[in-house]
Amino acid sequence: MADTTIATVGELIAALDRYDPAAPVRLATQPDYPLENLLARVACTPGNADGDSPANSDQPVVWLGAGEQVGYVPAPAADALRWS
């Protein structure tokens, strides 16, 4: 996938569409100290819940919560993420 920001649920679905639905999913964080986590929860809040959105925004925001830390991101994954 090209370097791009995934900013909407639709963009996330499109980015995942080509992968096997049974494939494990992980959240890779911290490029300088790459860790892998399971995803824990999906939640939705009003669009202005963080105080950064315009006060009149009624658009909801979907949140992906990091779960249990699994270990370190393997080198091939860090390479694919362009972190090495």
PDB file of N, CA and C in Angstrom:
ATOM      1  N   MET A   1       0.843  -1.182   0.000  1.00  0.00           N
ATOM      2  CA  MET A   1       0.000   0.000   0.000  1.00  0.00           C
ATOM      3  C   MET A   1       0.887   1.244   0.000  1.00  0.00           C
ATOM      4  N   ALA A   2       0.493   2.222  -0.712  1.00  0.00           N
ATOM      5  CA  ALA A   2       1.258   3.466  -0.787  1.00  0.00           C
ATOM      6  C   ALA A   2       1.206   4.199   0.544  1.00  0.00           C
ATOM      7  N   ASP A   3       2.152   5.097   0.741  1.00  0.00           N
ATOM      8  CA  ASP A   3       2.118   5.933   1.946  1.00  0.00           C
ATOM      9  C   ASP A   3       0.882   6.808   1.881  1.00  0.00           C
ATOM     10  N   THR A   4      -0.017   6.582   2.765  1.00  0.00           N
ATOM     11  CA  THR A   4      -1.255   7.335   2.787  1.00  0.00           C
ATOM     12  C   THR A   4      -1.813   7.308   4.196  1.00  0.00           C
ATOM     13  N   THR A   5      -2.631   8.252   4.498  1.00  0.00           N
ATOM     14  CA  THR A   5      -3.313   8.278   5.773  1.00  0.00           C
ATOM     15  C   THR A   5      -4.670   7.622   5.597  1.00  0.00           C
ATOM     16  N   ILE A   6      -5.001   6.737   6.498  1.00  0.00           N
ATOM     17  CA  ILE A   6      -6.325   6.125   6.507  1.00  0.00           C
ATOM     18  C   ILE A   6      -7.124   6.893   7.533  1.00  0.00           C
ATOM     19  N   ALA A   7      -8.064   7.700   7.062  1.00  0.00           N
ATOM     20  CA  ALA A   7      -8.775   8.619   7.947  1.00  0.00           C
ATOM     21  C   ALA A   7     -10.236   8.261   8.162  1.00  0.00           C
ATOM     22  N   THR A   8     -10.764   7.303   7.387  1.00  0.00           N
ATOM     23  CA  THR A   8     -12.173   6.960   7.534  1.00  0.00           C
ATOM     24  C   THR A   8     -12.344   5.446   7.612  1.00  0.00           C
ATOM     25  N   VAL A   9     -13.478   5.010   8.119  1.00  0.00           N
ATOM     26  CA  VAL A   9     -13.790   3.584   8.169  1.00  0.00           C
ATOM     27  C   VAL A   9     -13.784   3.006   6.758  1.00  0.00           C
ATOM     28  N   GLY A  10     -14.324   3.740   5.794  1.00  0.00           N
ATOM     29  CA  GLY A  10     -14.330   3.275   4.410  1.00  0.00           C
ATOM     30  C   GLY A  10     -12.930   3.055   3.863  1.00  0.00           C
ATOM     31  N   GLU A  11     -12.014   3.970   4.164  1.00  0.00           N
ATOM     32  CA  GLU A  11     -10.625   3.821   3.709  1.00  0.00           C
ATOM     33  C   GLU A  11      -9.963   2.616   4.383  1.00  0.00           C
ATOM     34  N   LEU A  12     -10.282   2.369   5.655  1.00  0.00           N
ATOM     35  CA  LEU A  12      -9.738   1.202   6.352  1.00  0.00           C
ATOM     36  C   LEU A  12     -10.260  -0.083   5.724  1.00  0.00           C
ATOM     37  N   ILE A  13     -11.556  -0.132   5.460  1.00  0.00           N
ATOM     38  CA  ILE A  13     -12.138  -1.309   4.819  1.00  0.00           C
ATOM     39  C   ILE A  13     -11.504  -1.534   3.451  1.00  0.00           C
ATOM     40  N   ALA A  14     -11.340  -0.490   2.669  1.00  0.00           N
ATOM     41  CA  ALA A  14     -10.720  -0.609   1.348  1.00  0.00           C
ATOM     42  C   ALA A  14      -9.280  -1.093   1.455  1.00  0.00           C
ATOM     43  N   ALA A  15      -8.548  -0.621   2.457  1.00  0.00           N
ATOM     44  CA  ALA A  15      -7.147  -1.024   2.628  1.00  0.00           C
ATOM     45  C   ALA A  15      -7.037  -2.495   3.020  1.00  0.00           C
ATOM     46  N   LEU A  16      -8.038  -3.019   3.723  1.00  0.00           N
ATOM     47  CA  LEU A  16      -8.009  -4.407   4.180  1.00  0.00           C
ATOM     48  C   LEU A  16      -8.655  -5.378   3.196  1.00  0.00           C
ATOM     49  N   ASP A  17      -9.356  -4.862   2.200  1.00  0.00           N
ATOM     50  CA  ASP A  17     -10.163  -5.671   1.301  1.00  0.00           C
ATOM     51  C   ASP A  17      -9.390  -6.766   0.580  1.00  0.00           C
ATOM     52  N   ARG A  18      -8.121  -6.547   0.280  1.00  0.00           N
ATOM     53  CA  ARG A  18      -7.364  -7.533  -0.506  1.00  0.00           C
ATOM     54  C   ARG A  18      -6.764  -8.653   0.343  1.00  0.00           C
ATOM     55  N   TYR A  19      -6.905  -8.578   1.666  1.00  0.00           N
ATOM     56  CA  TYR A  19      -6.312  -9.567   2.563  1.00  0.00           C
ATOM     57  C   TYR A  19      -7.333 -10.628   2.982  1.00  0.00           C
ATOM     58  N   ASP A  20      -6.826 -11.792   3.327  1.00  0.00           N
ATOM     59  CA  ASP A  20      -7.657 -12.898   3.798  1.00  0.00           C
ATOM     60  C   ASP A  20      -8.364 -12.484   5.092  1.00  0.00           C
ATOM     61  N   PRO A  21      -9.694 -12.561   5.142  1.00  0.00           N
ATOM     62  CA  PRO A  21     -10.422 -12.157   6.351  1.00  0.00           C
ATOM     63  C   PRO A  21     -10.043 -12.965   7.589  1.00  0.00           C
ATOM     64  N   ALA A  22      -9.450 -14.149   7.410  1.00  0.00           N
ATOM     65  CA  ALA A  22      -9.039 -14.973   8.537  1.00  0.00           C
ATOM     66  C   ALA A  22      -7.622 -14.662   9.014  1.00  0.00           C
ATOM     67  N   ALA A  23      -6.907 -13.771   8.312  1.00  0.00           N
ATOM     68  CA  ALA A  23      -5.531 -13.437   8.691  1.00  0.00           C
ATOM     69  C   ALA A  23      -5.514 -12.710  10.042  1.00  0.00           C
ATOM     70  N   PRO A  24      -4.526 -12.991  10.897  1.00  0.00           N
ATOM     71  CA  PRO A  24      -4.417 -12.269  12.166  1.00  0.00           C
ATOM     72  C   PRO A  24      -4.212 -10.777  11.909  1.00  0.00           C
ATOM     73  N   VAL A  25      -4.678  -9.949  12.815  1.00  0.00           N
ATOM     74  CA  VAL A  25      -4.504  -8.503  12.700  1.00  0.00           C
ATOM     75  C   VAL A  25      -3.752  -7.999  13.928  1.00  0.00           C
ATOM     76  N   ARG A  26      -2.834  -7.091  13.708  1.00  0.00           N
ATOM     77  CA  ARG A  26      -2.035  -6.513  14.790  1.00  0.00           C
ATOM     78  C   ARG A  26      -1.948  -5.008  14.580  1.00  0.00           C
ATOM     79  N   LEU A  27      -1.724  -4.286  15.642  1.00  0.00           N
ATOM     80  CA  LEU A  27      -1.473  -2.854  15.600  1.00  0.00           C
ATOM     81  C   LEU A  27       0.010  -2.657  15.870  1.00  0.00           C
ATOM     82  N   ALA A  28       0.740  -2.107  14.914  1.00  0.00           N
ATOM     83  CA  ALA A  28       2.168  -1.847  15.078  1.00  0.00           C
ATOM     84  C   ALA A  28       2.328  -0.402  15.525  1.00  0.00           C
ATOM     85  N   THR A  29       3.095  -0.198  16.598  1.00  0.00           N
ATOM     86  CA  THR A  29       3.267   1.141  17.154  1.00  0.00           C
ATOM     87  C   THR A  29       4.731   1.442  17.397  1.00  0.00           C
ATOM     88  N   GLN A  30       5.015   2.704  17.561  1.00  0.00           N
ATOM     89  CA  GLN A  30       6.325   3.203  17.972  1.00  0.00           C
ATOM     90  C   GLN A  30       7.456   2.763  17.042  1.00  0.00           C
ATOM     91  N   PRO A  31       7.611   3.432  15.890  1.00  0.00           N
ATOM     92  CA  PRO A  31       8.633   3.024  14.922  1.00  0.00           C
ATOM     93  C   PRO A  31      10.051   2.905  15.490  1.00  0.00           C
ATOM     94  N   ASP A  32      10.412   3.711  16.493  1.00  0.00           N
ATOM     95  CA  ASP A  32      11.768   3.629  17.037  1.00  0.00           C
ATOM     96  C   ASP A  32      11.943   2.456  18.001  1.00  0.00           C
ATOM     97  N   TYR A  33      10.859   1.923  18.515  1.00  0.00           N
ATOM     98  CA  TYR A  33      10.860   0.789  19.439  1.00  0.00           C
ATOM     99  C   TYR A  33       9.629  -0.030  19.085  1.00  0.00           C
ATOM    100  N   PRO A  34       9.643  -0.705  17.896  1.00  0.00           N
ATOM    101  CA  PRO A  34       8.434  -1.262  17.305  1.00  0.00           C
ATOM    102  C   PRO A  34       7.822  -2.408  18.113  1.00  0.00           C
ATOM    103  N   LEU A  35       6.606  -2.185  18.581  1.00  0.00           N
ATOM    104  CA  LEU A  35       5.862  -3.179  19.332  1.00  0.00           C
ATOM    105  C   LEU A  35       4.618  -3.571  18.545  1.00  0.00           C
ATOM    106  N   GLU A  36       4.148  -4.799  18.781  1.00  0.00           N
ATOM    107  CA  GLU A  36       2.902  -5.229  18.153  1.00  0.00           C
ATOM    108  C   GLU A  36       1.876  -5.516  19.238  1.00  0.00           C
ATOM    109  N   ASN A  37       0.656  -5.073  18.981  1.00  0.00           N
ATOM    110  CA  ASN A  37      -0.449  -5.264  19.915  1.00  0.00           C
ATOM    111  C   ASN A  37      -1.638  -5.875  19.179  1.00  0.00           C
ATOM    112  N   LEU A  38      -2.430  -6.617  19.924  1.00  0.00           N
ATOM    113  CA  LEU A  38      -3.721  -7.034  19.414  1.00  0.00           C
ATOM    114  C   LEU A  38      -4.635  -5.820  19.430  1.00  0.00           C
ATOM    115  N   LEU A  39      -5.691  -5.840  18.641  1.00  0.00           N
ATOM    116  CA  LEU A  39      -6.727  -4.820  18.750  1.00  0.00           C
ATOM    117  C   LEU A  39      -7.694  -5.285  19.824  1.00  0.00           C
ATOM    118  N   ALA A  40      -8.142  -4.364  20.667  1.00  0.00           N
ATOM    119  CA  ALA A  40      -8.996  -4.757  21.783  1.00  0.00           C
ATOM    120  C   ALA A  40     -10.455  -4.406  21.550  1.00  0.00           C
ATOM    121  N   ARG A  41     -10.717  -3.196  21.181  1.00  0.00           N
ATOM    122  CA  ARG A  41     -12.089  -2.731  21.076  1.00  0.00           C
ATOM    123  C   ARG A  41     -12.241  -1.753  19.923  1.00  0.00           C
ATOM    124  N   VAL A  42     -13.460  -1.654  19.479  1.00  0.00           N
ATOM    125  CA  VAL A  42     -13.854  -0.615  18.544  1.00  0.00           C
ATOM    126  C   VAL A  42     -14.931   0.182  19.263  1.00  0.00           C
ATOM    127  N   ALA A  43     -14.760   1.491  19.301  1.00  0.00           N
ATOM    128  CA  ALA A  43     -15.720   2.357  19.984  1.00  0.00           C
ATOM    129  C   ALA A  43     -16.042   3.535  19.086  1.00  0.00           C
ATOM    130  N   CYS A  44     -17.138   4.186  19.377  1.00  0.00           N
ATOM    131  CA  CYS A  44     -17.571   5.340  18.598  1.00  0.00           C
ATOM    132  C   CYS A  44     -17.986   6.445  19.553  1.00  0.00           C
ATOM    133  N   THR A  45     -17.547   7.666  19.242  1.00  0.00           N
ATOM    134  CA  THR A  45     -17.904   8.832  20.047  1.00  0.00           C
ATOM    135  C   THR A  45     -18.372   9.950  19.116  1.00  0.00           C
ATOM    136  N   PRO A  46     -19.027  10.949  19.677  1.00  0.00           N
ATOM    137  CA  PRO A  46     -19.343  12.118  18.844  1.00  0.00           C
ATOM    138  C   PRO A  46     -18.063  12.709  18.270  1.00  0.00           C
ATOM    139  N   GLY A  47     -18.159  13.349  17.118  1.00  0.00           N
ATOM    140  CA  GLY A  47     -16.988  13.892  16.436  1.00  0.00           C
ATOM    141  C   GLY A  47     -16.230  14.929  17.225  1.00  0.00           C
ATOM    142  N   ASN A  48     -16.873  15.617  18.161  1.00  0.00           N
ATOM    143  CA  ASN A  48     -16.176  16.662  18.914  1.00  0.00           C
ATOM    144  C   ASN A  48     -15.806  16.207  20.319  1.00  0.00           C
ATOM    145  N   ALA A  49     -15.750  14.892  20.569  1.00  0.00           N
ATOM    146  CA  ALA A  49     -15.476  14.386  21.910  1.00  0.00           C
ATOM    147  C   ALA A  49     -14.072  14.736  22.406  1.00  0.00           C
ATOM    148  N   ASP A  50     -13.123  14.927  21.489  1.00  0.00           N
ATOM    149  CA  ASP A  50     -11.762  15.239  21.920  1.00  0.00           C
ATOM    150  C   ASP A  50     -11.516  16.735  22.066  1.00  0.00           C
ATOM    151  N   GLY A  51     -12.487  17.540  21.733  1.00  0.00           N
ATOM    152  CA  GLY A  51     -12.337  18.987  21.870  1.00  0.00           C
ATOM    153  C   GLY A  51     -11.583  19.632  20.727  1.00  0.00           C
ATOM    154  N   ASP A  52     -11.045  18.824  19.793  1.00  0.00           N
ATOM    155  CA  ASP A  52     -10.274  19.370  18.672  1.00  0.00           C
ATOM    156  C   ASP A  52     -11.134  19.622  17.441  1.00  0.00           C
ATOM    157  N   SER A  53     -12.297  18.997  17.389  1.00  0.00           N
ATOM    158  CA  SER A  53     -13.178  19.170  16.234  1.00  0.00           C
ATOM    159  C   SER A  53     -14.023  20.419  16.422  1.00  0.00           C
ATOM    160  N   PRO A  54     -14.539  20.941  15.335  1.00  0.00           N
ATOM    161  CA  PRO A  54     -15.434  22.098  15.474  1.00  0.00           C
ATOM    162  C   PRO A  54     -16.602  21.767  16.404  1.00  0.00           C
ATOM    163  N   ALA A  55     -17.025  22.723  17.194  1.00  0.00           N
ATOM    164  CA  ALA A  55     -18.068  22.501  18.189  1.00  0.00           C
ATOM    165  C   ALA A  55     -19.373  22.025  17.567  1.00  0.00           C
ATOM    166  N   ASN A  56     -19.636  22.381  16.317  1.00  0.00           N
ATOM    167  CA  ASN A  56     -20.890  21.994  15.696  1.00  0.00           C
ATOM    168  C   ASN A  56     -20.803  20.676  14.927  1.00  0.00           C
ATOM    169  N   SER A  57     -19.728  19.954  15.077  1.00  0.00           N
ATOM    170  CA  SER A  57     -19.547  18.688  14.369  1.00  0.00           C
ATOM    171  C   SER A  57     -20.362  17.587  15.035  1.00  0.00           C
ATOM    172  N   ASP A  58     -21.271  16.998  14.274  1.00  0.00           N
ATOM    173  CA  ASP A  58     -22.055  15.880  14.767  1.00  0.00           C
ATOM    174  C   ASP A  58     -21.548  14.550  14.229  1.00  0.00           C
ATOM    175  N   GLN A  59     -20.508  14.582  13.415  1.00  0.00           N
ATOM    176  CA  GLN A  59     -19.976  13.362  12.808  1.00  0.00           C
ATOM    177  C   GLN A  59     -19.319  12.492  13.875  1.00  0.00           C
ATOM    178  N   PRO A  60     -19.696  11.227  13.978  1.00  0.00           N
ATOM    179  CA  PRO A  60     -19.063  10.344  14.957  1.00  0.00           C
ATOM    180  C   PRO A  60     -17.635   9.992  14.540  1.00  0.00           C
ATOM    181  N   VAL A  61     -16.832   9.606  15.510  1.00  0.00           N
ATOM    182  CA  VAL A  61     -15.458   9.147  15.280  1.00  0.00           C
ATOM    183  C   VAL A  61     -15.365   7.718  15.788  1.00  0.00           C
ATOM    184  N   VAL A  62     -14.826   6.801  14.967  1.00  0.00           N
ATOM    185  CA  VAL A  62     -14.637   5.407  15.355  1.00  0.00           C
ATOM    186  C   VAL A  62     -13.204   5.245  15.845  1.00  0.00           C
ATOM    187  N   TRP A  63     -13.045   4.613  16.999  1.00  0.00           N
ATOM    188  CA  TRP A  63     -11.736   4.427  17.635  1.00  0.00           C
ATOM    189  C   TRP A  63     -11.366   2.948  17.654  1.00  0.00           C
ATOM    190  N   LEU A  64     -10.118   2.627  17.311  1.00  0.00           N
ATOM    191  CA  LEU A  64      -9.578   1.278  17.433  1.00  0.00           C
ATOM    192  C   LEU A  64      -8.658   1.281  18.645  1.00  0.00           C
ATOM    193  N   GLY A  65      -8.979   0.493  19.637  1.00  0.00           N
ATOM    194  CA  GLY A  65      -8.177   0.462  20.871  1.00  0.00           C
ATOM    195  C   GLY A  65      -7.126  -0.624  20.828  1.00  0.00           C
ATOM    196  N   ALA A  66      -5.924  -0.285  21.261  1.00  0.00           N
ATOM    197  CA  ALA A  66      -4.843  -1.261  21.349  1.00  0.00           C
ATOM    198  C   ALA A  66      -5.129  -2.211  22.508  1.00  0.00           C
ATOM    199  N   GLY A  67      -4.872  -3.475  22.274  1.00  0.00           N
ATOM    200  CA  GLY A  67      -5.069  -4.487  23.294  1.00  0.00           C
ATOM    201  C   GLY A  67      -3.744  -4.954  23.863  1.00  0.00           C
ATOM    202  N   GLU A  68      -3.705  -6.214  24.189  1.00  0.00           N
ATOM    203  CA  GLU A  68      -2.536  -6.831  24.807  1.00  0.00           C
ATOM    204  C   GLU A  68      -1.311  -6.720  23.905  1.00  0.00           C
ATOM    205  N   GLN A  69      -0.166  -6.406  24.516  1.00  0.00           N
ATOM    206  CA  GLN A  69       1.084  -6.367  23.749  1.00  0.00           C
ATOM    207  C   GLN A  69       1.508  -7.794  23.463  1.00  0.00           C
ATOM    208  N   VAL A  70       1.784  -8.065  22.187  1.00  0.00           N
ATOM    209  CA  VAL A  70       2.149  -9.405  21.755  1.00  0.00           C
ATOM    210  C   VAL A  70       3.663  -9.583  21.775  1.00  0.00           C
ATOM    211  N   GLY A  71       4.386  -8.584  21.361  1.00  0.00           N
ATOM    212  CA  GLY A  71       5.839  -8.675  21.275  1.00  0.00           C
ATOM    213  C   GLY A  71       6.364  -7.543  20.434  1.00  0.00           C
ATOM    214  N   TYR A  72       7.493  -7.798  19.788  1.00  0.00           N
ATOM    215  CA  TYR A  72       8.108  -6.799  18.931  1.00  0.00           C
ATOM    216  C   TYR A  72       7.686  -7.034  17.487  1.00  0.00           C
ATOM    217  N   VAL A  73       7.600  -5.967  16.730  1.00  0.00           N
ATOM    218  CA  VAL A  73       7.287  -6.077  15.310  1.00  0.00           C
ATOM    219  C   VAL A  73       8.446  -6.795  14.626  1.00  0.00           C
ATOM    220  N   PRO A  74       8.174  -7.879  13.894  1.00  0.00           N
ATOM    221  CA  PRO A  74       9.253  -8.584  13.211  1.00  0.00           C
ATOM    222  C   PRO A  74       9.887  -7.699  12.131  1.00  0.00           C
ATOM    223  N   ALA A  75      11.148  -7.941  11.850  1.00  0.00           N
ATOM    224  CA  ALA A  75      11.891  -7.133  10.882  1.00  0.00           C
ATOM    225  C   ALA A  75      11.180  -7.020   9.531  1.00  0.00           C
ATOM    226  N   PRO A  76      10.626  -8.112   8.964  1.00  0.00           N
ATOM    227  CA  PRO A  76       9.945  -7.953   7.671  1.00  0.00           C
ATOM    228  C   PRO A  76       8.756  -6.987   7.751  1.00  0.00           C
ATOM    229  N   ALA A  77       8.043  -6.989   8.871  1.00  0.00           N
ATOM    230  CA  ALA A  77       6.912  -6.060   9.034  1.00  0.00           C
ATOM    231  C   ALA A  77       7.419  -4.631   9.179  1.00  0.00           C
ATOM    232  N   ALA A  78       8.493  -4.431   9.955  1.00  0.00           N
ATOM    233  CA  ALA A  78       9.078  -3.096  10.099  1.00  0.00           C
ATOM    234  C   ALA A  78       9.549  -2.577   8.742  1.00  0.00           C
ATOM    235  N   ASP A  79      10.129  -3.465   7.931  1.00  0.00           N
ATOM    236  CA  ASP A  79      10.548  -3.078   6.578  1.00  0.00           C
ATOM    237  C   ASP A  79       9.350  -2.690   5.729  1.00  0.00           C
ATOM    238  N   ALA A  80       8.281  -3.492   5.795  1.00  0.00           N
ATOM    239  CA  ALA A  80       7.078  -3.203   5.005  1.00  0.00           C
ATOM    240  C   ALA A  80       6.434  -1.879   5.426  1.00  0.00           C
ATOM    241  N   LEU A  81       6.540  -1.553   6.710  1.00  0.00           N
ATOM    242  CA  LEU A  81       6.009  -0.288   7.222  1.00  0.00           C
ATOM    243  C   LEU A  81       6.964   0.878   6.985  1.00  0.00           C
ATOM    244  N   ARG A  82       8.124   0.572   6.400  1.00  0.00           N
ATOM    245  CA  ARG A  82       9.186   1.563   6.147  1.00  0.00           C
ATOM    246  C   ARG A  82       9.699   2.213   7.424  1.00  0.00           C
ATOM    247  N   TRP A  83       9.838   1.383   8.476  1.00  0.00           N
ATOM    248  CA  TRP A  83      10.344   1.865   9.769  1.00  0.00           C
ATOM    249  C   TRP A  83      11.832   1.550   9.922  1.00  0.00           C
ATOM    250  N   SER A  84      12.421   0.790   8.994  1.00  0.00           N
ATOM    251  CA  SER A  84      13.839   0.459   9.166  1.00  0.00           C
ATOM    252  C   SER A  84      14.687   1.134   8.127  1.00  0.00           C
TER     253      SER A  84
END
